Amino acid sequence: MVKVQAIGLSEIMGSLPEIEAFNPKSSPKNKVDQLFLCALGFEPRCLTIPSLLRRSDYRTGSCVFATYRTNVSENESNLPELQSLLEYVSGKNILTPLEIDSIEFSNQLREILKGLSQRTDELPSVTVDISVFANRLIMRSFKVLIESDVNLRVLYSEANIYHPTKEEYQKEPSKWKDEDALGLERGVNDVTISIDHPGQHLDVLPNCIVVFPCYKAERSKAIIAKVDPSLLTSPKDKVLWVLGKPHKPEDSWREDAMREINNIGEDQQQHSISTFAYKDSIKVLDRIHSEKWDKCNITLAPNGSKMQALGAALFYYLHPDVRVMFATPKEYNAMQYTEGCKNTWVIDFGSTRELRDLLDSVGQITIQK
């Protein structure tokens, strides 16, 4: 008897790479990347991975780093050391920095990757350090990276301390809840539809917003208000919250704090997923999409963890009908954001051609006898 069935997302998840502890000394000797991509930020973590790579005698043909329009002076305090590290591993071949909020960012990155392909018969190897990537930088850069032909490796340095700590939050909860207080960030500079993730929305359908919240409610509220102000007071089943569950048991209190800060009641639709397992984001977003795509125009607000944003980027490749919106803070609290580095991690995606083939197989019809 012939059995016809479609390949489901669950059938390919095991083929996506796992996140693993990163040991630069265990990398293949004589392996040379064609590009190392990172970001200039105010967190000391922006130097952690480049320092590890420099000490392990890593080499790359070129480097490029992204810059931000917020907290410029605090970010530039790390510039001299970052440039020195990148000069060492690339033989002083540092390309012109890419400004993340520029309209031209994606085209500039695409041209850099295209130039790499022209210089080698093999797939060029690219390593990306997302340690201080804002989520909009993850979404924009991985849209280009996934669509390009490269061997892709992602590195990440996990902070030793994330603010607020439990003691800080319990001592002064208003600091993290009130809009006028600084907390981790303050204000909303602008709310925009991602130029790279415009979605395919129909006017006749109502709006549905999937929100990964952060530790200040302003950005989530600003996006909801931009899409449909009525959903701020009457969300019903049209606002879905995806809350982060920390992967360290001692940080489990942060999930409830996130609910309190964003005023997410038990009656509101919500999902709880790991802040660390990027595959969980893909699975939950895909499930939401299957339930809502023919009833609503779906907008995604990826304000959660970096690994959740990485999952969202892969989800978008599967479902480009979804619209992505960003809300950029006016300023970050550079003095009280993160401290140190606990662990370093790697996700080796390998060939993006094979990654696309894997993702493209979802929904394909197979015939089994």
Protein backbone atom coordinates (compact mmCIF):
# COMPACT_ATOMS: atom_id res chain seq x y z
CA MET A 1 0.00 0.00 0.00
CA VAL A 2 1.36 3.41 -0.99
CA LYS A 3 1.50 6.02 1.77
CA VAL A 4 1.63 9.72 0.84
CA GLN A 5 2.68 12.19 3.51
CA ALA A 6 4.26 15.61 3.90
CA ILE A 7 7.58 16.05 5.69
CA GLY A 8 6.95 17.83 8.98
CA LEU A 9 9.19 20.20 10.89
CA SER A 10 9.66 17.62 13.64
CA GLU A 11 11.28 15.26 11.13
CA ILE A 12 14.13 17.67 10.35
CA MET A 13 14.80 19.09 13.81
CA GLY A 14 17.26 16.34 14.67
CA SER A 15 19.32 17.28 11.62
CA LEU A 16 19.82 20.85 12.80
CA PRO A 17 23.06 21.24 14.80
CA GLU A 18 23.09 21.38 18.58
CA ILE A 19 24.69 24.12 20.62
CA GLU A 20 27.91 22.79 22.13
CA ALA A 21 30.67 24.02 24.42
CA PHE A 22 33.29 25.88 22.39
CA ASN A 23 36.94 25.01 22.77
CA PRO A 24 39.03 26.91 20.20
CA LYS A 25 41.93 24.50 20.70
CA SER A 26 39.80 21.61 19.44
CA SER A 27 39.16 23.30 16.07
CA PRO A 28 40.91 21.67 13.11
CA LYS A 29 44.48 22.86 12.74
CA ASN A 30 45.29 24.99 9.72
CA LYS A 31 41.59 25.84 9.30
CA VAL A 32 41.31 29.37 7.97
CA ASP A 33 38.04 31.26 7.68
CA GLN A 34 37.42 33.72 4.90
CA LEU A 35 35.42 36.05 7.18
CA PHE A 36 34.94 36.71 10.88
CA LEU A 37 31.88 38.85 11.72
CA CYS A 38 31.23 40.39 15.13
CA ALA A 39 29.86 43.58 16.70
CA LEU A 40 31.28 46.51 18.64
CA GLY A 41 29.35 46.87 21.87
CA PHE A 42 29.76 48.26 25.38
CA GLU A 43 29.73 44.84 27.06
CA PRO A 44 33.18 43.37 27.81
CA ARG A 45 31.86 40.21 26.11
CA CYS A 46 32.43 41.84 22.74
CA LEU A 47 36.13 41.03 23.29
CA THR A 48 35.79 37.52 24.76
CA ILE A 49 35.55 35.44 21.59
CA PRO A 50 38.11 37.53 19.62
CA SER A 51 40.53 37.14 22.57
CA LEU A 52 40.01 33.37 22.67
CA LEU A 53 40.56 33.10 18.93
CA ARG A 54 43.68 35.25 19.04
CA ARG A 55 45.21 33.06 21.78
CA SER A 56 44.41 29.90 19.80
CA ASP A 57 46.19 31.23 16.68
CA TYR A 58 42.95 31.34 14.72
CA ARG A 59 43.24 32.94 11.28
CA THR A 60 40.75 34.51 8.92
CA GLY A 61 41.12 36.21 5.56
CA SER A 62 39.15 39.25 6.68
CA CYS A 63 37.10 40.70 9.55
CA VAL A 64 34.15 43.03 9.73
CA PHE A 65 32.25 44.34 12.72
CA ALA A 66 28.83 45.94 13.06
CA THR A 67 28.20 49.20 14.91
CA TYR A 68 25.19 50.70 16.68
CA ARG A 69 23.72 54.20 16.89
CA THR A 70 22.94 53.82 20.59
CA ASN A 71 25.53 54.19 23.39
CA VAL A 72 28.20 55.22 20.90
CA SER A 73 30.78 56.49 23.42
CA GLU A 74 30.43 53.41 25.65
CA ASN A 75 30.78 51.12 22.63
CA GLU A 76 33.87 52.90 21.38
CA SER A 77 35.65 52.30 24.68
CA ASN A 78 36.15 48.73 23.42
CA LEU A 79 37.16 49.77 19.90
CA PRO A 80 40.98 49.93 20.27
CA GLU A 81 41.26 46.45 21.78
CA LEU A 82 38.76 44.94 19.34
CA GLN A 83 40.62 46.41 16.37
CA SER A 84 43.92 45.08 17.72
CA LEU A 85 42.51 41.57 18.11
CA LEU A 86 40.91 41.60 14.67
CA GLU A 87 44.08 42.92 13.05
CA TYR A 88 46.03 40.02 14.53
CA VAL A 89 43.71 37.23 13.35
CA SER A 90 43.15 38.76 9.89
CA GLY A 91 46.60 40.13 9.06
CA LYS A 92 45.19 43.66 9.39
CA ASN A 93 42.46 43.01 6.82
CA ILE A 94 39.56 44.71 8.60
CA LEU A 95 36.74 45.77 6.31
CA THR A 96 34.71 48.96 6.68
CA PRO A 97 32.34 48.62 9.66
CA LEU A 98 28.68 47.93 8.93
CA GLU A 99 26.10 50.14 10.62
CA ILE A 100 23.24 47.87 11.66
CA ASP A 101 20.44 50.43 11.36
CA SER A 102 21.50 51.55 7.89
CA ILE A 103 19.15 50.70 5.04
CA GLU A 104 22.18 49.43 3.15
CA PHE A 105 23.35 47.00 5.84
CA SER A 106 21.97 43.83 4.23
CA ASN A 107 23.18 44.70 0.74
CA GLN A 108 26.63 45.55 2.09
CA LEU A 109 26.88 42.22 3.93
CA ARG A 110 25.57 40.37 0.89
CA GLU A 111 28.25 41.95 -1.30
CA ILE A 112 30.98 41.00 1.17
CA LEU A 113 29.83 37.38 1.15
CA LYS A 114 29.54 37.38 -2.64
CA GLY A 115 33.12 38.63 -2.88
CA LEU A 116 34.31 35.74 -0.72
CA SER A 117 32.74 33.22 -3.09
CA GLN A 118 34.55 34.75 -6.04
CA ARG A 119 37.93 34.10 -4.40
CA THR A 120 37.58 30.36 -3.76
CA ASP A 121 36.27 27.27 -5.53
CA GLU A 122 34.98 25.91 -2.22
CA LEU A 123 32.29 27.31 0.02
CA PRO A 124 33.88 30.16 1.99
CA SER A 125 33.95 29.62 5.75
CA VAL A 126 32.34 32.32 7.90
CA THR A 127 32.40 32.56 11.69
CA VAL A 128 29.91 34.88 13.39
CA ASP A 129 30.26 35.96 17.02
CA ILE A 130 26.76 36.95 18.20
CA SER A 131 27.79 37.67 21.81
CA VAL A 132 26.82 41.36 21.63
CA PHE A 133 24.45 41.20 18.66
CA ALA A 134 21.17 43.02 19.20
CA ASN A 135 18.28 40.87 18.05
CA ARG A 136 17.64 43.08 15.03
CA LEU A 137 21.27 42.47 14.02
CA ILE A 138 20.77 38.70 14.38
CA MET A 139 17.60 38.81 12.29
CA ARG A 140 19.06 41.02 9.56
CA SER A 141 22.46 39.32 9.28
CA PHE A 142 21.13 35.76 9.34
CA LYS A 143 18.59 36.57 6.63
CA VAL A 144 21.61 37.29 4.40
CA LEU A 145 23.80 34.48 5.73
CA ILE A 146 21.18 31.76 5.27
CA GLU A 147 20.53 32.88 1.70
CA SER A 148 24.26 32.99 0.84
CA ASP A 149 26.49 30.02 0.00
CA VAL A 150 28.91 29.66 2.91
CA ASN A 151 30.03 27.28 5.62
CA LEU A 152 28.57 28.93 8.70
CA ARG A 153 29.73 28.71 12.31
CA VAL A 154 28.10 30.68 15.14
CA LEU A 155 29.96 31.50 18.37
CA TYR A 156 28.47 32.92 21.56
CA SER A 157 29.90 33.98 24.91
CA GLU A 158 27.43 33.63 27.79
CA ALA A 159 27.59 36.34 30.45
CA ASN A 160 28.57 35.36 33.97
CA ILE A 161 26.07 37.81 35.52
CA TYR A 162 22.90 39.13 33.89
CA HIS A 163 21.22 42.16 35.40
CA PRO A 164 18.93 42.52 37.15
CA THR A 165 20.14 39.97 39.65
CA LYS A 166 17.51 38.47 41.93
CA GLU A 167 18.64 40.73 44.77
CA GLU A 168 18.50 43.85 42.59
CA TYR A 169 15.04 43.04 41.31
CA GLN A 170 13.56 42.22 44.72
CA LYS A 171 15.14 45.29 46.34
CA GLU A 172 13.87 47.79 43.77
CA PRO A 173 11.30 46.24 41.37
CA SER A 174 10.04 49.67 40.23
CA LYS A 175 13.44 50.37 38.65
CA TRP A 176 12.78 47.57 36.17
CA LYS A 177 9.05 48.21 35.69
CA ASP A 178 8.65 51.99 35.47
CA GLU A 179 9.02 53.49 32.02
CA ASP A 180 10.96 56.53 33.25
CA ALA A 181 13.51 54.45 35.15
CA LEU A 182 16.64 53.27 33.33
CA GLY A 183 16.68 49.56 34.26
CA LEU A 184 18.45 47.71 31.44
CA GLU A 185 17.29 50.28 28.92
CA ARG A 186 15.09 53.35 28.59
CA GLY A 187 12.74 54.77 26.01
CA VAL A 188 11.86 53.75 22.48
CA ASN A 189 13.71 55.51 19.70
CA ASP A 190 11.60 54.16 16.84
CA VAL A 191 9.33 51.28 15.87
CA THR A 192 9.88 49.93 12.38
CA ILE A 193 8.92 47.07 10.12
CA SER A 194 12.11 45.20 9.26
CA ILE A 195 13.12 46.08 5.73
CA ASP A 196 14.35 42.49 5.35
CA HIS A 197 11.25 40.84 6.86
CA PRO A 198 8.23 42.75 5.50
CA GLY A 199 5.85 39.80 5.52
CA GLN A 200 2.90 39.24 3.20
CA HIS A 201 -0.15 40.66 4.93
CA LEU A 202 -3.71 40.82 3.64
CA ASP A 203 -5.89 43.82 4.54
CA VAL A 204 -8.95 41.65 5.10
CA LEU A 205 -7.41 39.68 7.98
CA PRO A 206 -7.10 40.82 11.61
CA ASN A 207 -3.70 41.25 13.25
CA CYS A 208 -1.98 38.79 15.54
CA ILE A 209 1.25 39.66 17.35
CA VAL A 210 3.76 37.17 18.73
CA VAL A 211 5.91 38.91 21.33
CA PHE A 212 9.19 37.77 22.86
CA PRO A 213 9.32 40.28 25.75
CA CYS A 214 12.38 41.83 27.40
CA TYR A 215 13.06 43.37 30.81
CA LYS A 216 11.37 46.65 29.94
CA ALA A 217 7.76 46.67 28.78
CA GLU A 218 8.07 49.79 26.63
CA ARG A 219 9.35 48.11 23.49
CA SER A 220 6.68 45.40 23.44
CA LYS A 221 3.94 47.96 24.11
CA ALA A 222 5.27 50.22 21.35
CA ILE A 223 5.13 47.43 18.78
CA ILE A 224 1.63 46.33 19.83
CA ALA A 225 0.43 49.94 19.66
CA LYS A 226 1.97 50.39 16.21
CA VAL A 227 0.19 47.30 14.87
CA ASP A 228 -3.18 47.83 16.57
CA PRO A 229 -3.61 50.11 19.64
CA SER A 230 -6.80 48.29 20.66
CA LEU A 231 -4.75 45.17 21.42
CA LEU A 232 -3.08 46.96 24.35
CA THR A 233 -6.34 46.92 26.30
CA SER A 234 -8.11 44.00 24.64
CA PRO A 235 -5.50 41.44 23.49
CA LYS A 236 -7.86 38.42 23.61
CA ASP A 237 -6.29 35.73 21.41
CA LYS A 238 -4.45 38.22 19.18
CA VAL A 239 -1.38 38.83 21.40
CA LEU A 240 0.71 35.76 22.16
CA TRP A 241 3.64 35.97 24.56
CA VAL A 242 6.69 33.72 24.25
CA LEU A 243 8.49 33.84 27.58
CA GLY A 244 12.08 32.78 28.15
CA LYS A 245 12.87 29.95 30.56
CA PRO A 246 16.52 30.33 31.68
CA HIS A 247 18.62 27.22 31.15
CA LYS A 248 20.26 27.61 34.58
CA PRO A 249 17.96 26.53 37.47
CA GLU A 250 19.23 29.35 39.70
CA ASP A 251 17.87 31.87 37.17
CA SER A 252 14.36 30.39 36.99
CA TRP A 253 12.93 33.38 38.91
CA ARG A 254 13.56 35.56 35.85
CA GLU A 255 10.61 34.07 33.97
CA ASP A 256 8.15 35.26 36.63
CA ALA A 257 9.91 38.63 36.75
CA MET A 258 9.40 38.92 33.00
CA ARG A 259 5.67 38.35 33.50
CA GLU A 260 5.51 41.01 36.22
CA ILE A 261 7.48 43.59 34.25
CA ASN A 262 5.34 43.12 31.14
CA ASN A 263 2.08 42.72 33.12
CA ILE A 264 1.31 39.34 31.53
CA GLY A 265 -1.63 37.80 33.35
CA GLU A 266 -2.60 34.14 33.54
CA ASP A 267 -5.53 34.82 31.19
CA GLN A 268 -3.21 35.92 28.37
CA GLN A 269 -1.97 33.42 25.83
CA GLN A 270 1.63 32.50 26.53
CA HIS A 271 4.30 29.92 25.82
CA SER A 272 7.36 29.20 27.95
CA ILE A 273 10.50 28.09 26.11
CA SER A 274 14.21 27.94 26.78
CA THR A 275 16.23 31.12 26.33
CA PHE A 276 19.07 28.92 25.17
CA ALA A 277 17.64 26.23 22.85
CA TYR A 278 17.19 27.95 19.50
CA LYS A 279 15.25 24.95 18.16
CA ASP A 280 12.49 25.51 20.73
CA SER A 281 11.79 28.92 19.20
CA ILE A 282 11.46 27.38 15.74
CA LYS A 283 9.06 24.70 16.99
CA VAL A 284 6.81 27.03 19.01
CA LEU A 285 6.68 29.70 16.30
CA ASP A 286 5.89 27.07 13.68
CA ARG A 287 3.05 25.73 15.84
CA ILE A 288 1.63 29.22 16.32
CA HIS A 289 1.91 29.84 12.59
CA SER A 290 0.03 26.65 11.73
CA GLU A 291 -2.81 27.75 14.01
CA LYS A 292 -3.00 31.39 12.91
CA TRP A 293 -1.72 31.85 9.35
CA ASP A 294 -5.09 31.51 7.60
CA LYS A 295 -6.95 33.59 10.20
CA CYS A 296 -4.58 36.48 10.94
CA ASN A 297 -1.76 38.63 9.67
CA ILE A 298 1.10 37.59 11.95
CA THR A 299 3.65 40.10 13.28
CA LEU A 300 6.70 38.88 15.21
CA ALA A 301 8.42 41.04 17.84
CA PRO A 302 11.70 39.21 18.68
CA ASN A 303 12.80 41.04 21.86
CA GLY A 304 13.93 37.92 23.76
CA SER A 305 17.28 36.17 24.06
CA LYS A 306 19.88 35.90 21.31
CA MET A 307 19.26 32.17 20.84
CA GLN A 308 15.53 32.84 20.59
CA ALA A 309 16.27 35.44 17.89
CA LEU A 310 18.44 32.92 16.05
CA GLY A 311 15.52 30.48 16.09
CA ALA A 312 13.23 33.25 14.87
CA ALA A 313 15.57 33.91 11.94
CA LEU A 314 15.38 30.26 10.86
CA PHE A 315 11.60 30.27 11.39
CA TYR A 316 11.29 33.31 9.10
CA TYR A 317 13.06 31.42 6.32
CA LEU A 318 10.28 28.82 6.56
CA HIS A 319 7.48 31.39 6.78
CA PRO A 320 8.29 34.67 5.02
CA ASP A 321 4.61 35.68 5.19
CA VAL A 322 5.26 36.75 8.81
CA ARG A 323 6.16 40.39 9.37
CA VAL A 324 8.96 41.29 11.80
CA MET A 325 8.95 44.55 13.76
CA PHE A 326 11.73 46.11 15.83
CA ALA A 327 11.56 48.70 18.60
CA THR A 328 14.95 50.29 19.28
CA PRO A 329 15.68 51.70 22.76
CA LYS A 330 16.89 55.26 23.15
CA GLU A 331 19.66 54.06 25.44
CA TYR A 332 20.98 50.97 27.20
CA ASN A 333 22.30 50.85 30.75
CA ALA A 334 25.95 50.27 29.89
CA MET A 335 26.96 50.35 33.56
CA GLN A 336 24.56 47.62 34.66
CA TYR A 337 23.87 45.22 31.79
CA THR A 338 26.04 42.08 31.99
CA GLU A 339 29.29 41.14 33.68
CA GLY A 340 32.03 38.72 32.70
CA CYS A 341 31.76 35.50 30.72
CA LYS A 342 30.60 32.15 32.11
CA ASN A 343 30.90 29.86 29.09
CA THR A 344 31.49 30.00 25.35
CA TRP A 345 29.37 28.07 22.86
CA VAL A 346 29.33 27.07 19.20
CA ILE A 347 26.68 26.05 16.68
CA ASP A 348 28.26 24.68 13.51
CA PHE A 349 25.66 24.92 10.76
CA GLY A 350 28.09 23.86 8.05
CA SER A 351 26.95 24.39 4.47
CA THR A 352 24.10 26.88 4.17
CA ARG A 353 23.18 25.19 0.87
CA GLU A 354 22.48 22.02 2.83
CA LEU A 355 20.74 24.04 5.55
CA ARG A 356 18.40 25.57 2.97
CA ASP A 357 17.75 22.16 1.41
CA LEU A 358 16.86 20.83 4.85
CA LEU A 359 14.48 23.70 5.63
CA ASP A 360 12.99 23.59 2.12
CA SER A 361 12.13 19.92 2.61
CA VAL A 362 9.48 20.83 5.19
CA GLY A 363 6.08 20.41 3.55
CA GLN A 364 7.41 18.35 0.65
CA ILE A 365 5.37 15.27 -0.27
CA THR A 366 6.97 11.87 0.09
CA ILE A 367 5.66 8.53 -1.18
CA GLN A 368 6.38 5.44 0.84
CA LYS A 369 5.54 1.93 -0.25
